[in-house]
Amino acid sequence: MHDAYALSDLILDDHYAESTSTGRVQDGIPDELVRGRKEGKVVDLAGWGKIDAAERENAKRRGLAKEREKFTRVEDMLAVL
């Protein structure tokens, strides 16, 4: 668990740094994230909720004993959005 805390510290340090090696941080959102959202490569929380609901429905529809049937292809996952 100690590694998880150390990793979290590094992520937060990078996020709050004034500049990064890959671009500027503007309004608290890294340029890469803004660009990815515009290009449809980043899924927001509402999108993840739709994906989660679809995975749960897939398991239910197939009569599986597990909670969800995970998508195995990114294209299939993004098609839910």
PDB file of N, CA and C in Angstrom:
ATOM      1  N   MET A   1       0.814  -1.192   0.000  1.00  0.00           N
ATOM      2  CA  MET A   1       0.000   0.000   0.000  1.00  0.00           C
ATOM      3  C   MET A   1       0.861   1.260   0.000  1.00  0.00           C
ATOM      4  N   HIS A   2       2.051   1.153   0.575  1.00  0.00           N
ATOM      5  CA  HIS A   2       2.946   2.301   0.617  1.00  0.00           C
ATOM      6  C   HIS A   2       3.254   2.794  -0.792  1.00  0.00           C
ATOM      7  N   ASP A   3       3.413   1.877  -1.749  1.00  0.00           N
ATOM      8  CA  ASP A   3       3.697   2.274  -3.132  1.00  0.00           C
ATOM      9  C   ASP A   3       2.558   3.090  -3.721  1.00  0.00           C
ATOM     10  N   ALA A   4       1.330   2.750  -3.376  1.00  0.00           N
ATOM     11  CA  ALA A   4       0.172   3.491  -3.882  1.00  0.00           C
ATOM     12  C   ALA A   4       0.204   4.934  -3.382  1.00  0.00           C
ATOM     13  N   TYR A   5       0.553   5.129  -2.124  1.00  0.00           N
ATOM     14  CA  TYR A   5       0.632   6.489  -1.583  1.00  0.00           C
ATOM     15  C   TYR A   5       1.760   7.269  -2.248  1.00  0.00           C
ATOM     16  N   ALA A   6       2.881   6.631  -2.465  1.00  0.00           N
ATOM     17  CA  ALA A   6       4.012   7.295  -3.112  1.00  0.00           C
ATOM     18  C   ALA A   6       3.647   7.690  -4.541  1.00  0.00           C
ATOM     19  N   LEU A   7       2.969   6.805  -5.250  1.00  0.00           N
ATOM     20  CA  LEU A   7       2.549   7.106  -6.611  1.00  0.00           C
ATOM     21  C   LEU A   7       1.554   8.265  -6.624  1.00  0.00           C
ATOM     22  N   SER A   8       0.628   8.259  -5.692  1.00  0.00           N
ATOM     23  CA  SER A   8      -0.341   9.358  -5.600  1.00  0.00           C
ATOM     24  C   SER A   8       0.367  10.689  -5.375  1.00  0.00           C
ATOM     25  N   ASP A   9       1.359  10.690  -4.510  1.00  0.00           N
ATOM     26  CA  ASP A   9       2.129  11.911  -4.268  1.00  0.00           C
ATOM     27  C   ASP A   9       2.793  12.407  -5.549  1.00  0.00           C
ATOM     28  N   LEU A  10       3.373  11.490  -6.316  1.00  0.00           N
ATOM     29  CA  LEU A  10       4.031  11.875  -7.571  1.00  0.00           C
ATOM     30  C   LEU A  10       3.034  12.444  -8.570  1.00  0.00           C
ATOM     31  N   ILE A  11       1.864  11.818  -8.672  1.00  0.00           N
ATOM     32  CA  ILE A  11       0.842  12.294  -9.600  1.00  0.00           C
ATOM     33  C   ILE A  11       0.393  13.699  -9.218  1.00  0.00           C
ATOM     34  N   LEU A  12       0.144  13.906  -7.942  1.00  0.00           N
ATOM     35  CA  LEU A  12      -0.288  15.233  -7.490  1.00  0.00           C
ATOM     36  C   LEU A  12       0.813  16.273  -7.666  1.00  0.00           C
ATOM     37  N   ASP A  13       2.058  15.895  -7.392  1.00  0.00           N
ATOM     38  CA  ASP A  13       3.170  16.825  -7.610  1.00  0.00           C
ATOM     39  C   ASP A  13       3.233  17.242  -9.073  1.00  0.00           C
ATOM     40  N   ASP A  14       3.103  16.269  -9.979  1.00  0.00           N
ATOM     41  CA  ASP A  14       3.128  16.575 -11.407  1.00  0.00           C
ATOM     42  C   ASP A  14       1.953  17.464 -11.802  1.00  0.00           C
ATOM     43  N   HIS A  15       0.791  17.161 -11.257  1.00  0.00           N
ATOM     44  CA  HIS A  15      -0.398  17.926 -11.610  1.00  0.00           C
ATOM     45  C   HIS A  15      -0.275  19.385 -11.196  1.00  0.00           C
ATOM     46  N   TYR A  16       0.243  19.627 -10.011  1.00  0.00           N
ATOM     47  CA  TYR A  16       0.313  20.989  -9.498  1.00  0.00           C
ATOM     48  C   TYR A  16       1.601  21.715  -9.852  1.00  0.00           C
ATOM     49  N   ALA A  17       2.493  21.073 -10.592  1.00  0.00           N
ATOM     50  CA  ALA A  17       3.717  21.739 -11.028  1.00  0.00           C
ATOM     51  C   ALA A  17       3.331  22.858 -12.003  1.00  0.00           C
ATOM     52  N   GLU A  18       4.097  23.931 -11.995  1.00  0.00           N
ATOM     53  CA  GLU A  18       3.757  25.056 -12.863  1.00  0.00           C
ATOM     54  C   GLU A  18       3.899  24.721 -14.333  1.00  0.00           C
ATOM     55  N   SER A  19       4.827  23.876 -14.672  1.00  0.00           N
ATOM     56  CA  SER A  19       4.958  23.457 -16.067  1.00  0.00           C
ATOM     57  C   SER A  19       5.385  21.998 -16.087  1.00  0.00           C
ATOM     58  N   THR A  20       5.103  21.356 -17.189  1.00  0.00           N
ATOM     59  CA  THR A  20       5.490  19.953 -17.348  1.00  0.00           C
ATOM     60  C   THR A  20       6.331  19.823 -18.593  1.00  0.00           C
ATOM     61  N   SER A  21       6.934  18.667 -18.769  1.00  0.00           N
ATOM     62  CA  SER A  21       7.759  18.455 -19.954  1.00  0.00           C
ATOM     63  C   SER A  21       6.912  18.276 -21.200  1.00  0.00           C
ATOM     64  N   THR A  22       5.609  18.016 -21.051  1.00  0.00           N
ATOM     65  CA  THR A  22       4.757  17.754 -22.212  1.00  0.00           C
ATOM     66  C   THR A  22       3.841  18.918 -22.551  1.00  0.00           C
ATOM     67  N   GLY A  23       3.756  19.915 -21.711  1.00  0.00           N
ATOM     68  CA  GLY A  23       2.884  21.049 -22.031  1.00  0.00           C
ATOM     69  C   GLY A  23       2.507  21.844 -20.807  1.00  0.00           C
ATOM     70  N   ARG A  24       1.755  22.883 -21.046  1.00  0.00           N
ATOM     71  CA  ARG A  24       1.336  23.762 -19.959  1.00  0.00           C
ATOM     72  C   ARG A  24       0.104  23.206 -19.269  1.00  0.00           C
ATOM     73  N   VAL A  25      -0.048  23.625 -18.031  1.00  0.00           N
ATOM     74  CA  VAL A  25      -1.268  23.318 -17.294  1.00  0.00           C
ATOM     75  C   VAL A  25      -2.056  24.611 -17.228  1.00  0.00           C
ATOM     76  N   GLN A  26      -3.246  24.594 -17.806  1.00  0.00           N
ATOM     77  CA  GLN A  26      -4.054  25.798 -17.864  1.00  0.00           C
ATOM     78  C   GLN A  26      -5.376  25.533 -17.162  1.00  0.00           C
ATOM     79  N   ASP A  27      -5.718  26.391 -16.243  1.00  0.00           N
ATOM     80  CA  ASP A  27      -6.956  26.232 -15.477  1.00  0.00           C
ATOM     81  C   ASP A  27      -7.009  24.885 -14.767  1.00  0.00           C
ATOM     82  N   GLY A  28      -5.850  24.334 -14.410  1.00  0.00           N
ATOM     83  CA  GLY A  28      -5.802  23.080 -13.679  1.00  0.00           C
ATOM     84  C   GLY A  28      -5.972  21.844 -14.543  1.00  0.00           C
ATOM     85  N   ILE A  29      -6.145  22.019 -15.856  1.00  0.00           N
ATOM     86  CA  ILE A  29      -6.334  20.875 -16.749  1.00  0.00           C
ATOM     87  C   ILE A  29      -5.165  20.826 -17.731  1.00  0.00           C
ATOM     88  N   PRO A  30      -4.394  19.741 -17.730  1.00  0.00           N
ATOM     89  CA  PRO A  30      -3.259  19.633 -18.655  1.00  0.00           C
ATOM     90  C   PRO A  30      -3.718  19.701 -20.115  1.00  0.00           C
ATOM     91  N   ASP A  31      -2.880  20.298 -20.960  1.00  0.00           N
ATOM     92  CA  ASP A  31      -3.192  20.431 -22.386  1.00  0.00           C
ATOM     93  C   ASP A  31      -3.529  19.092 -23.036  1.00  0.00           C
ATOM     94  N   GLU A  32      -2.823  18.048 -22.630  1.00  0.00           N
ATOM     95  CA  GLU A  32      -3.054  16.728 -23.223  1.00  0.00           C
ATOM     96  C   GLU A  32      -4.473  16.251 -22.966  1.00  0.00           C
ATOM     97  N   LEU A  33      -4.985  16.538 -21.769  1.00  0.00           N
ATOM     98  CA  LEU A  33      -6.342  16.132 -21.420  1.00  0.00           C
ATOM     99  C   LEU A  33      -7.371  16.933 -22.210  1.00  0.00           C
ATOM    100  N   VAL A  34      -7.144  18.232 -22.334  1.00  0.00           N
ATOM    101  CA  VAL A  34      -8.051  19.075 -23.112  1.00  0.00           C
ATOM    102  C   VAL A  34      -8.093  18.590 -24.557  1.00  0.00           C
ATOM    103  N   ARG A  35      -6.927  18.334 -25.140  1.00  0.00           N
ATOM    104  CA  ARG A  35      -6.832  17.855 -26.520  1.00  0.00           C
ATOM    105  C   ARG A  35      -7.504  16.491 -26.671  1.00  0.00           C
ATOM    106  N   GLY A  36      -7.275  15.599 -25.717  1.00  0.00           N
ATOM    107  CA  GLY A  36      -7.870  14.266 -25.766  1.00  0.00           C
ATOM    108  C   GLY A  36      -9.380  14.303 -25.687  1.00  0.00           C
ATOM    109  N   ARG A  37      -9.911  15.210 -24.890  1.00  0.00           N
ATOM    110  CA  ARG A  37     -11.369  15.347 -24.795  1.00  0.00           C
ATOM    111  C   ARG A  37     -11.945  15.814 -26.124  1.00  0.00           C
ATOM    112  N   LYS A  38     -11.279  16.778 -26.756  1.00  0.00           N
ATOM    113  CA  LYS A  38     -11.754  17.286 -28.046  1.00  0.00           C
ATOM    114  C   LYS A  38     -11.708  16.205 -29.124  1.00  0.00           C
ATOM    115  N   GLU A  39     -10.705  15.329 -29.052  1.00  0.00           N
ATOM    116  CA  GLU A  39     -10.530  14.271 -30.051  1.00  0.00           C
ATOM    117  C   GLU A  39     -11.340  13.027 -29.733  1.00  0.00           C
ATOM    118  N   GLY A  40     -12.069  13.037 -28.628  1.00  0.00           N
ATOM    119  CA  GLY A  40     -12.882  11.881 -28.267  1.00  0.00           C
ATOM    120  C   GLY A  40     -12.081  10.709 -27.734  1.00  0.00           C
ATOM    121  N   LYS A  41     -10.873  10.977 -27.241  1.00  0.00           N
ATOM    122  CA  LYS A  41     -10.009   9.923 -26.723  1.00  0.00           C
ATOM    123  C   LYS A  41     -10.044   9.827 -25.202  1.00  0.00           C
ATOM    124  N   VAL A  42     -10.737  10.759 -24.556  1.00  0.00           N
ATOM    125  CA  VAL A  42     -10.828  10.789 -23.107  1.00  0.00           C
ATOM    126  C   VAL A  42     -12.297  10.636 -22.717  1.00  0.00           C
ATOM    127  N   VAL A  43     -12.558   9.725 -21.805  1.00  0.00           N
ATOM    128  CA  VAL A  43     -13.928   9.468 -21.353  1.00  0.00           C
ATOM    129  C   VAL A  43     -14.130  10.147 -20.004  1.00  0.00           C
ATOM    130  N   ASP A  44     -15.203  10.935 -19.891  1.00  0.00           N
ATOM    131  CA  ASP A  44     -15.493  11.602 -18.629  1.00  0.00           C
ATOM    132  C   ASP A  44     -16.251  10.659 -17.697  1.00  0.00           C
ATOM    133  N   LEU A  45     -16.553  11.145 -16.500  1.00  0.00           N
ATOM    134  CA  LEU A  45     -17.212  10.310 -15.490  1.00  0.00           C
ATOM    135  C   LEU A  45     -18.582   9.816 -15.957  1.00  0.00           C
ATOM    136  N   ALA A  46     -19.332  10.677 -16.620  1.00  0.00           N
ATOM    137  CA  ALA A  46     -20.648  10.265 -17.124  1.00  0.00           C
ATOM    138  C   ALA A  46     -20.491   9.142 -18.152  1.00  0.00           C
ATOM    139  N   GLY A  47     -19.460   9.251 -18.994  1.00  0.00           N
ATOM    140  CA  GLY A  47     -19.192   8.208 -19.978  1.00  0.00           C
ATOM    141  C   GLY A  47     -18.829   6.891 -19.329  1.00  0.00           C
ATOM    142  N   TRP A  48     -17.999   6.957 -18.283  1.00  0.00           N
ATOM    143  CA  TRP A  48     -17.637   5.731 -17.567  1.00  0.00           C
ATOM    144  C   TRP A  48     -18.865   5.107 -16.922  1.00  0.00           C
ATOM    145  N   GLY A  49     -19.796   5.942 -16.484  1.00  0.00           N
ATOM    146  CA  GLY A  49     -21.039   5.416 -15.918  1.00  0.00           C
ATOM    147  C   GLY A  49     -21.831   4.634 -16.958  1.00  0.00           C
ATOM    148  N   LYS A  50     -21.876   5.144 -18.190  1.00  0.00           N
ATOM    149  CA  LYS A  50     -22.563   4.441 -19.277  1.00  0.00           C
ATOM    150  C   LYS A  50     -21.873   3.119 -19.602  1.00  0.00           C
ATOM    151  N   ILE A  51     -20.548   3.148 -19.617  1.00  0.00           N
ATOM    152  CA  ILE A  51     -19.787   1.924 -19.899  1.00  0.00           C
ATOM    153  C   ILE A  51     -20.026   0.893 -18.804  1.00  0.00           C
ATOM    154  N   ASP A  52     -19.996   1.338 -17.556  1.00  0.00           N
ATOM    155  CA  ASP A  52     -20.237   0.442 -16.423  1.00  0.00           C
ATOM    156  C   ASP A  52     -21.626  -0.185 -16.513  1.00  0.00           C
ATOM    157  N   ALA A  53     -22.630   0.635 -16.817  1.00  0.00           N
ATOM    158  CA  ALA A  53     -24.003   0.124 -16.928  1.00  0.00           C
ATOM    159  C   ALA A  53     -24.111  -0.897 -18.054  1.00  0.00           C
ATOM    160  N   ALA A  54     -23.445  -0.634 -19.180  1.00  0.00           N
ATOM    161  CA  ALA A  54     -23.484  -1.567 -20.306  1.00  0.00           C
ATOM    162  C   ALA A  54     -22.796  -2.883 -19.956  1.00  0.00           C
ATOM    163  N   GLU A  55     -21.683  -2.826 -19.230  1.00  0.00           N
ATOM    164  CA  GLU A  55     -20.989  -4.053 -18.820  1.00  0.00           C
ATOM    165  C   GLU A  55     -21.850  -4.876 -17.868  1.00  0.00           C
ATOM    166  N   ARG A  56     -22.525  -4.207 -16.963  1.00  0.00           N
ATOM    167  CA  ARG A  56     -23.418  -4.917 -16.036  1.00  0.00           C
ATOM    168  C   ARG A  56     -24.582  -5.551 -16.795  1.00  0.00           C
ATOM    169  N   GLU A  57     -25.135  -4.817 -17.744  1.00  0.00           N
ATOM    170  CA  GLU A  57     -26.248  -5.333 -18.541  1.00  0.00           C
ATOM    171  C   GLU A  57     -25.793  -6.520 -19.399  1.00  0.00           C
ATOM    172  N   ASN A  58     -24.586  -6.441 -19.945  1.00  0.00           N
ATOM    173  CA  ASN A  58     -24.052  -7.553 -20.748  1.00  0.00           C
ATOM    174  C   ASN A  58     -23.980  -8.838 -19.932  1.00  0.00           C
ATOM    175  N   ALA A  59     -23.526  -8.742 -18.696  1.00  0.00           N
ATOM    176  CA  ALA A  59     -23.436  -9.931 -17.835  1.00  0.00           C
ATOM    177  C   ALA A  59     -24.829 -10.458 -17.513  1.00  0.00           C
ATOM    178  N   LYS A  60     -25.726  -9.554 -17.229  1.00  0.00           N
ATOM    179  CA  LYS A  60     -27.104  -9.947 -16.887  1.00  0.00           C
ATOM    180  C   LYS A  60     -27.789 -10.617 -18.081  1.00  0.00           C
ATOM    181  N   ARG A  61     -27.654 -10.016 -19.260  1.00  0.00           N
ATOM    182  CA  ARG A  61     -28.273 -10.538 -20.473  1.00  0.00           C
ATOM    183  C   ARG A  61     -27.732 -11.925 -20.843  1.00  0.00           C
ATOM    184  N   ARG A  62     -26.456 -12.147 -20.575  1.00  0.00           N
ATOM    185  CA  ARG A  62     -25.844 -13.442 -20.895  1.00  0.00           C
ATOM    186  C   ARG A  62     -26.037 -14.467 -19.790  1.00  0.00           C
ATOM    187  N   GLY A  63     -26.678 -14.070 -18.692  1.00  0.00           N
ATOM    188  CA  GLY A  63     -26.945 -14.994 -17.604  1.00  0.00           C
ATOM    189  C   GLY A  63     -25.697 -15.417 -16.839  1.00  0.00           C
ATOM    190  N   LEU A  64     -24.710 -14.534 -16.805  1.00  0.00           N
ATOM    191  CA  LEU A  64     -23.458 -14.854 -16.121  1.00  0.00           C
ATOM    192  C   LEU A  64     -23.593 -14.623 -14.619  1.00  0.00           C
ATOM    193  N   ALA A  65     -22.842 -15.387 -13.845  1.00  0.00           N
ATOM    194  CA  ALA A  65     -22.898 -15.268 -12.389  1.00  0.00           C
ATOM    195  C   ALA A  65     -22.046 -14.108 -11.872  1.00  0.00           C
ATOM    196  N   LYS A  66     -21.314 -13.454 -12.751  1.00  0.00           N
ATOM    197  CA  LYS A  66     -20.469 -12.346 -12.303  1.00  0.00           C
ATOM    198  C   LYS A  66     -21.191 -11.019 -12.474  1.00  0.00           C
ATOM    199  N   GLU A  67     -20.661 -10.001 -11.812  1.00  0.00           N
ATOM    200  CA  GLU A  67     -21.296  -8.685 -11.764  1.00  0.00           C
ATOM    201  C   GLU A  67     -21.325  -7.989 -13.120  1.00  0.00           C
ATOM    202  N   ARG A  68     -20.254  -8.126 -13.891  1.00  0.00           N
ATOM    203  CA  ARG A  68     -20.176  -7.446 -15.186  1.00  0.00           C
ATOM    204  C   ARG A  68     -19.388  -8.278 -16.181  1.00  0.00           C
ATOM    205  N   GLU A  69     -19.661  -8.057 -17.437  1.00  0.00           N
ATOM    206  CA  GLU A  69     -18.882  -8.652 -18.521  1.00  0.00           C
ATOM    207  C   GLU A  69     -18.115  -7.502 -19.158  1.00  0.00           C
ATOM    208  N   LYS A  70     -16.801  -7.468 -18.901  1.00  0.00           N
ATOM    209  CA  LYS A  70     -15.965  -6.367 -19.363  1.00  0.00           C
ATOM    210  C   LYS A  70     -15.822  -6.394 -20.879  1.00  0.00           C
ATOM    211  N   PHE A  71     -15.739  -5.198 -21.473  1.00  0.00           N
ATOM    212  CA  PHE A  71     -15.456  -5.092 -22.891  1.00  0.00           C
ATOM    213  C   PHE A  71     -14.010  -5.521 -23.128  1.00  0.00           C
ATOM    214  N   THR A  72     -13.755  -6.169 -24.237  1.00  0.00           N
ATOM    215  CA  THR A  72     -12.396  -6.595 -24.553  1.00  0.00           C
ATOM    216  C   THR A  72     -11.780  -5.757 -25.662  1.00  0.00           C
ATOM    217  N   ARG A  73     -12.593  -4.921 -26.291  1.00  0.00           N
ATOM    218  CA  ARG A  73     -12.092  -4.039 -27.350  1.00  0.00           C
ATOM    219  C   ARG A  73     -12.501  -2.600 -27.042  1.00  0.00           C
ATOM    220  N   VAL A  74     -11.567  -1.697 -27.184  1.00  0.00           N
ATOM    221  CA  VAL A  74     -11.828  -0.286 -26.914  1.00  0.00           C
ATOM    222  C   VAL A  74     -12.953   0.230 -27.803  1.00  0.00           C
ATOM    223  N   GLU A  75     -12.972  -0.202 -29.061  1.00  0.00           N
ATOM    224  CA  GLU A  75     -13.990   0.245 -29.989  1.00  0.00           C
ATOM    225  C   GLU A  75     -15.396  -0.103 -29.495  1.00  0.00           C
ATOM    226  N   ASP A  76     -15.546  -1.306 -28.948  1.00  0.00           N
ATOM    227  CA  ASP A  76     -16.843  -1.730 -28.414  1.00  0.00           C
ATOM    228  C   ASP A  76     -17.238  -0.891 -27.207  1.00  0.00           C
ATOM    229  N   MET A  77     -16.261  -0.596 -26.372  1.00  0.00           N
ATOM    230  CA  MET A  77     -16.509   0.203 -25.173  1.00  0.00           C
ATOM    231  C   MET A  77     -16.951   1.610 -25.558  1.00  0.00           C
ATOM    232  N   LEU A  78     -16.246   2.223 -26.500  1.00  0.00           N
ATOM    233  CA  LEU A  78     -16.565   3.585 -26.893  1.00  0.00           C
ATOM    234  C   LEU A  78     -17.872   3.672 -27.687  1.00  0.00           C
ATOM    235  N   ALA A  79     -18.278   2.574 -28.290  1.00  0.00           N
ATOM    236  CA  ALA A  79     -19.542   2.557 -29.043  1.00  0.00           C
ATOM    237  C   ALA A  79     -20.737   2.786 -28.116  1.00  0.00           C
ATOM    238  N   VAL A  80     -20.584   2.496 -26.842  1.00  0.00           N
ATOM    239  CA  VAL A  80     -21.656   2.689 -25.861  1.00  0.00           C
ATOM    240  C   VAL A  80     -21.944   4.186 -25.678  1.00  0.00           C
ATOM    241  N   LEU A  81     -20.941   5.003 -25.889  1.00  0.00           N
ATOM    242  CA  LEU A  81     -21.086   6.438 -25.661  1.00  0.00           C
ATOM    243  C   LEU A  81     -21.869   7.061 -26.787  1.00  0.00           C
TER     244      LEU A  81
END
